[in-house]
Amino acid sequence: MKSDIQNVIKDSIKDNRRLLTALGNEKPIKDIHHQEEDLISSLLNLLPKSAAGKIALLGAVGITAIVAWKLLHSK
């Protein structure tokens, strides 16, 4: 009984060493950022998070579009 437990422990230690060796041999993962992704995330951070802020932004864009359209057609 005691020898069986010792064998299980020895096997477990061997498996753990193999696992740690395999993990130690892996190359690190590089985190790559692209300028386009950084630009998009920066623009998304500028957008309002609340519903009222989103409605206000849409209203401002709509008013700007109407004013631009009227200016273009008045000339």
N, C-alpha and C. Protein backbone atom coordinates (compact mmCIF):
# COMPACT_ATOMS: atom_id res chain seq x y z
N MET A 1 0.83 -1.20 0.00
CA MET A 1 0.00 0.00 0.00
C MET A 1 0.87 1.25 0.00
N LYS A 2 1.88 1.26 0.88
CA LYS A 2 2.75 2.42 0.97
C LYS A 2 3.57 2.59 -0.30
N SER A 3 3.99 1.51 -0.90
CA SER A 3 4.77 1.59 -2.14
C SER A 3 3.90 2.08 -3.29
N ASP A 4 2.61 1.72 -3.29
CA ASP A 4 1.69 2.21 -4.33
C ASP A 4 1.54 3.72 -4.24
N ILE A 5 1.42 4.25 -3.06
CA ILE A 5 1.28 5.70 -2.86
C ILE A 5 2.56 6.40 -3.29
N GLN A 6 3.71 5.80 -2.96
CA GLN A 6 4.99 6.39 -3.37
C GLN A 6 5.13 6.40 -4.88
N ASN A 7 4.68 5.33 -5.54
CA ASN A 7 4.74 5.28 -7.01
C ASN A 7 3.84 6.34 -7.63
N VAL A 8 2.66 6.53 -7.07
CA VAL A 8 1.74 7.55 -7.57
C VAL A 8 2.35 8.93 -7.41
N ILE A 9 2.99 9.17 -6.27
CA ILE A 9 3.63 10.47 -6.02
C ILE A 9 4.78 10.69 -6.99
N LYS A 10 5.60 9.67 -7.22
CA LYS A 10 6.73 9.79 -8.15
C LYS A 10 6.23 10.07 -9.57
N ASP A 11 5.18 9.36 -9.98
CA ASP A 11 4.60 9.59 -11.31
C ASP A 11 4.05 11.00 -11.43
N SER A 12 3.41 11.46 -10.38
CA SER A 12 2.86 12.81 -10.39
C SER A 12 3.97 13.85 -10.50
N ILE A 13 5.05 13.65 -9.77
CA ILE A 13 6.18 14.58 -9.84
C ILE A 13 6.78 14.58 -11.24
N LYS A 14 6.93 13.41 -11.86
CA LYS A 14 7.47 13.33 -13.22
C LYS A 14 6.56 14.08 -14.21
N ASP A 15 5.24 13.86 -14.07
CA ASP A 15 4.29 14.54 -14.96
C ASP A 15 4.35 16.05 -14.77
N ASN A 16 4.45 16.48 -13.52
CA ASN A 16 4.53 17.92 -13.26
C ASN A 16 5.80 18.52 -13.84
N ARG A 17 6.92 17.80 -13.73
CA ARG A 17 8.18 18.29 -14.31
C ARG A 17 8.07 18.39 -15.82
N ARG A 18 7.45 17.38 -16.45
CA ARG A 18 7.27 17.42 -17.91
C ARG A 18 6.39 18.60 -18.32
N LEU A 19 5.35 18.83 -17.56
CA LEU A 19 4.45 19.94 -17.85
C LEU A 19 5.16 21.27 -17.69
N LEU A 20 5.89 21.44 -16.61
CA LEU A 20 6.62 22.69 -16.39
C LEU A 20 7.69 22.91 -17.44
N THR A 21 8.35 21.84 -17.87
CA THR A 21 9.36 21.95 -18.93
C THR A 21 8.71 22.38 -20.23
N ALA A 22 7.56 21.77 -20.55
CA ALA A 22 6.86 22.13 -21.78
C ALA A 22 6.41 23.58 -21.74
N LEU A 23 5.89 24.02 -20.61
CA LEU A 23 5.45 25.41 -20.50
C LEU A 23 6.63 26.37 -20.56
N GLY A 24 7.76 25.97 -20.01
CA GLY A 24 8.94 26.83 -20.03
C GLY A 24 9.53 26.96 -21.41
N ASN A 25 9.29 25.99 -22.28
CA ASN A 25 9.85 26.02 -23.64
C ASN A 25 8.98 26.80 -24.62
N GLU A 26 7.77 27.16 -24.22
CA GLU A 26 6.90 27.91 -25.13
C GLU A 26 7.38 29.34 -25.26
N LYS A 27 7.19 29.87 -26.45
CA LYS A 27 7.57 31.27 -26.69
C LYS A 27 6.48 32.18 -26.13
N PRO A 28 6.87 33.36 -25.65
CA PRO A 28 5.85 34.28 -25.11
C PRO A 28 4.95 34.82 -26.22
N ILE A 29 3.74 35.13 -25.84
CA ILE A 29 2.76 35.68 -26.77
C ILE A 29 2.98 37.19 -26.85
N LYS A 30 3.09 37.69 -28.07
CA LYS A 30 3.28 39.13 -28.25
C LYS A 30 1.93 39.79 -28.49
N ASP A 31 1.71 40.89 -27.80
CA ASP A 31 0.49 41.67 -27.97
C ASP A 31 0.76 42.72 -29.04
N ILE A 32 0.11 42.59 -30.18
CA ILE A 32 0.36 43.48 -31.30
C ILE A 32 -0.80 44.47 -31.43
N HIS A 33 -0.47 45.74 -31.47
CA HIS A 33 -1.48 46.78 -31.68
C HIS A 33 -1.26 47.39 -33.06
N HIS A 34 -2.33 47.60 -33.75
CA HIS A 34 -2.27 48.26 -35.05
C HIS A 34 -2.79 49.68 -34.90
N GLN A 35 -2.26 50.57 -35.71
CA GLN A 35 -2.67 51.97 -35.61
C GLN A 35 -4.15 52.14 -35.89
N GLU A 36 -4.69 51.36 -36.83
CA GLU A 36 -6.10 51.48 -37.16
C GLU A 36 -6.96 51.10 -35.95
N GLU A 37 -6.58 50.03 -35.27
CA GLU A 37 -7.34 49.60 -34.10
C GLU A 37 -7.25 50.65 -32.99
N ASP A 38 -6.06 51.24 -32.82
CA ASP A 38 -5.90 52.27 -31.80
C ASP A 38 -6.76 53.48 -32.14
N LEU A 39 -6.81 53.86 -33.41
CA LEU A 39 -7.62 55.00 -33.83
C LEU A 39 -9.10 54.74 -33.60
N ILE A 40 -9.55 53.54 -33.97
CA ILE A 40 -10.96 53.20 -33.79
C ILE A 40 -11.32 53.18 -32.31
N SER A 41 -10.47 52.59 -31.49
CA SER A 41 -10.78 52.55 -30.05
C SER A 41 -10.76 53.95 -29.44
N SER A 42 -9.87 54.82 -29.93
CA SER A 42 -9.85 56.20 -29.43
C SER A 42 -11.12 56.94 -29.82
N LEU A 43 -11.59 56.73 -31.04
CA LEU A 43 -12.83 57.37 -31.48
C LEU A 43 -14.04 56.84 -30.71
N LEU A 44 -14.05 55.54 -30.46
CA LEU A 44 -15.16 54.97 -29.70
C LEU A 44 -15.18 55.46 -28.26
N ASN A 45 -14.00 55.76 -27.72
CA ASN A 45 -13.94 56.30 -26.35
C ASN A 45 -14.52 57.71 -26.29
N LEU A 46 -14.52 58.43 -27.42
CA LEU A 46 -15.06 59.79 -27.44
C LEU A 46 -16.59 59.81 -27.49
N LEU A 47 -17.19 58.73 -27.96
CA LEU A 47 -18.65 58.69 -28.07
C LEU A 47 -19.28 58.62 -26.69
N PRO A 48 -20.44 59.25 -26.55
CA PRO A 48 -21.12 59.22 -25.25
C PRO A 48 -21.59 57.81 -24.91
N LYS A 49 -21.62 57.51 -23.64
CA LYS A 49 -22.02 56.18 -23.18
C LYS A 49 -23.50 56.12 -22.82
N SER A 50 -24.08 57.23 -22.39
CA SER A 50 -25.47 57.22 -21.96
C SER A 50 -26.40 57.39 -23.15
N ALA A 51 -27.65 57.00 -22.96
CA ALA A 51 -28.64 57.14 -24.03
C ALA A 51 -28.91 58.60 -24.32
N ALA A 52 -28.96 59.43 -23.29
CA ALA A 52 -29.21 60.86 -23.51
C ALA A 52 -28.06 61.49 -24.29
N GLY A 53 -26.86 61.09 -24.00
CA GLY A 53 -25.70 61.61 -24.74
C GLY A 53 -25.72 61.19 -26.19
N LYS A 54 -26.13 59.94 -26.44
CA LYS A 54 -26.22 59.46 -27.83
C LYS A 54 -27.30 60.22 -28.60
N ILE A 55 -28.42 60.48 -27.95
CA ILE A 55 -29.50 61.24 -28.60
C ILE A 55 -29.04 62.66 -28.89
N ALA A 56 -28.33 63.27 -27.96
CA ALA A 56 -27.82 64.63 -28.17
C ALA A 56 -26.83 64.66 -29.32
N LEU A 57 -25.98 63.66 -29.41
CA LEU A 57 -25.01 63.59 -30.50
C LEU A 57 -25.72 63.42 -31.84
N LEU A 58 -26.70 62.53 -31.90
CA LEU A 58 -27.46 62.36 -33.14
C LEU A 58 -28.18 63.63 -33.53
N GLY A 59 -28.73 64.35 -32.55
CA GLY A 59 -29.39 65.63 -32.83
C GLY A 59 -28.43 66.65 -33.39
N ALA A 60 -27.24 66.73 -32.82
CA ALA A 60 -26.24 67.69 -33.31
C ALA A 60 -25.80 67.35 -34.72
N VAL A 61 -25.61 66.06 -35.00
CA VAL A 61 -25.23 65.65 -36.35
C VAL A 61 -26.36 65.94 -37.32
N GLY A 62 -27.59 65.69 -36.91
CA GLY A 62 -28.74 65.96 -37.77
C GLY A 62 -28.90 67.43 -38.08
N ILE A 63 -28.76 68.29 -37.07
CA ILE A 63 -28.86 69.74 -37.28
C ILE A 63 -27.76 70.23 -38.19
N THR A 64 -26.56 69.72 -37.99
CA THR A 64 -25.42 70.11 -38.85
C THR A 64 -25.67 69.70 -40.30
N ALA A 65 -26.23 68.50 -40.49
CA ALA A 65 -26.52 68.04 -41.85
C ALA A 65 -27.60 68.91 -42.49
N ILE A 66 -28.61 69.29 -41.75
CA ILE A 66 -29.69 70.14 -42.30
C ILE A 66 -29.15 71.51 -42.67
N VAL A 67 -28.33 72.10 -41.80
CA VAL A 67 -27.75 73.41 -42.08
C VAL A 67 -26.84 73.34 -43.30
N ALA A 68 -26.04 72.30 -43.40
CA ALA A 68 -25.15 72.15 -44.56
C ALA A 68 -25.96 71.97 -45.84
N TRP A 69 -27.04 71.21 -45.78
CA TRP A 69 -27.88 71.00 -46.95
C TRP A 69 -28.54 72.30 -47.39
N LYS A 70 -29.05 73.09 -46.44
CA LYS A 70 -29.68 74.36 -46.78
C LYS A 70 -28.66 75.34 -47.35
N LEU A 71 -27.44 75.35 -46.81
CA LEU A 71 -26.40 76.24 -47.34
C LEU A 71 -26.03 75.86 -48.77
N LEU A 72 -25.96 74.57 -49.05
CA LEU A 72 -25.61 74.12 -50.39
C LEU A 72 -26.69 74.45 -51.40
N HIS A 73 -27.96 74.35 -51.01
CA HIS A 73 -29.06 74.62 -51.93
C HIS A 73 -29.42 76.09 -52.03
N SER A 74 -28.95 76.92 -51.12
CA SER A 74 -29.26 78.34 -51.19
C SER A 74 -28.38 79.07 -52.20
N LYS A 75 -27.29 78.51 -52.59
CA LYS A 75 -26.38 79.20 -53.54
C LYS A 75 -26.68 78.85 -54.94
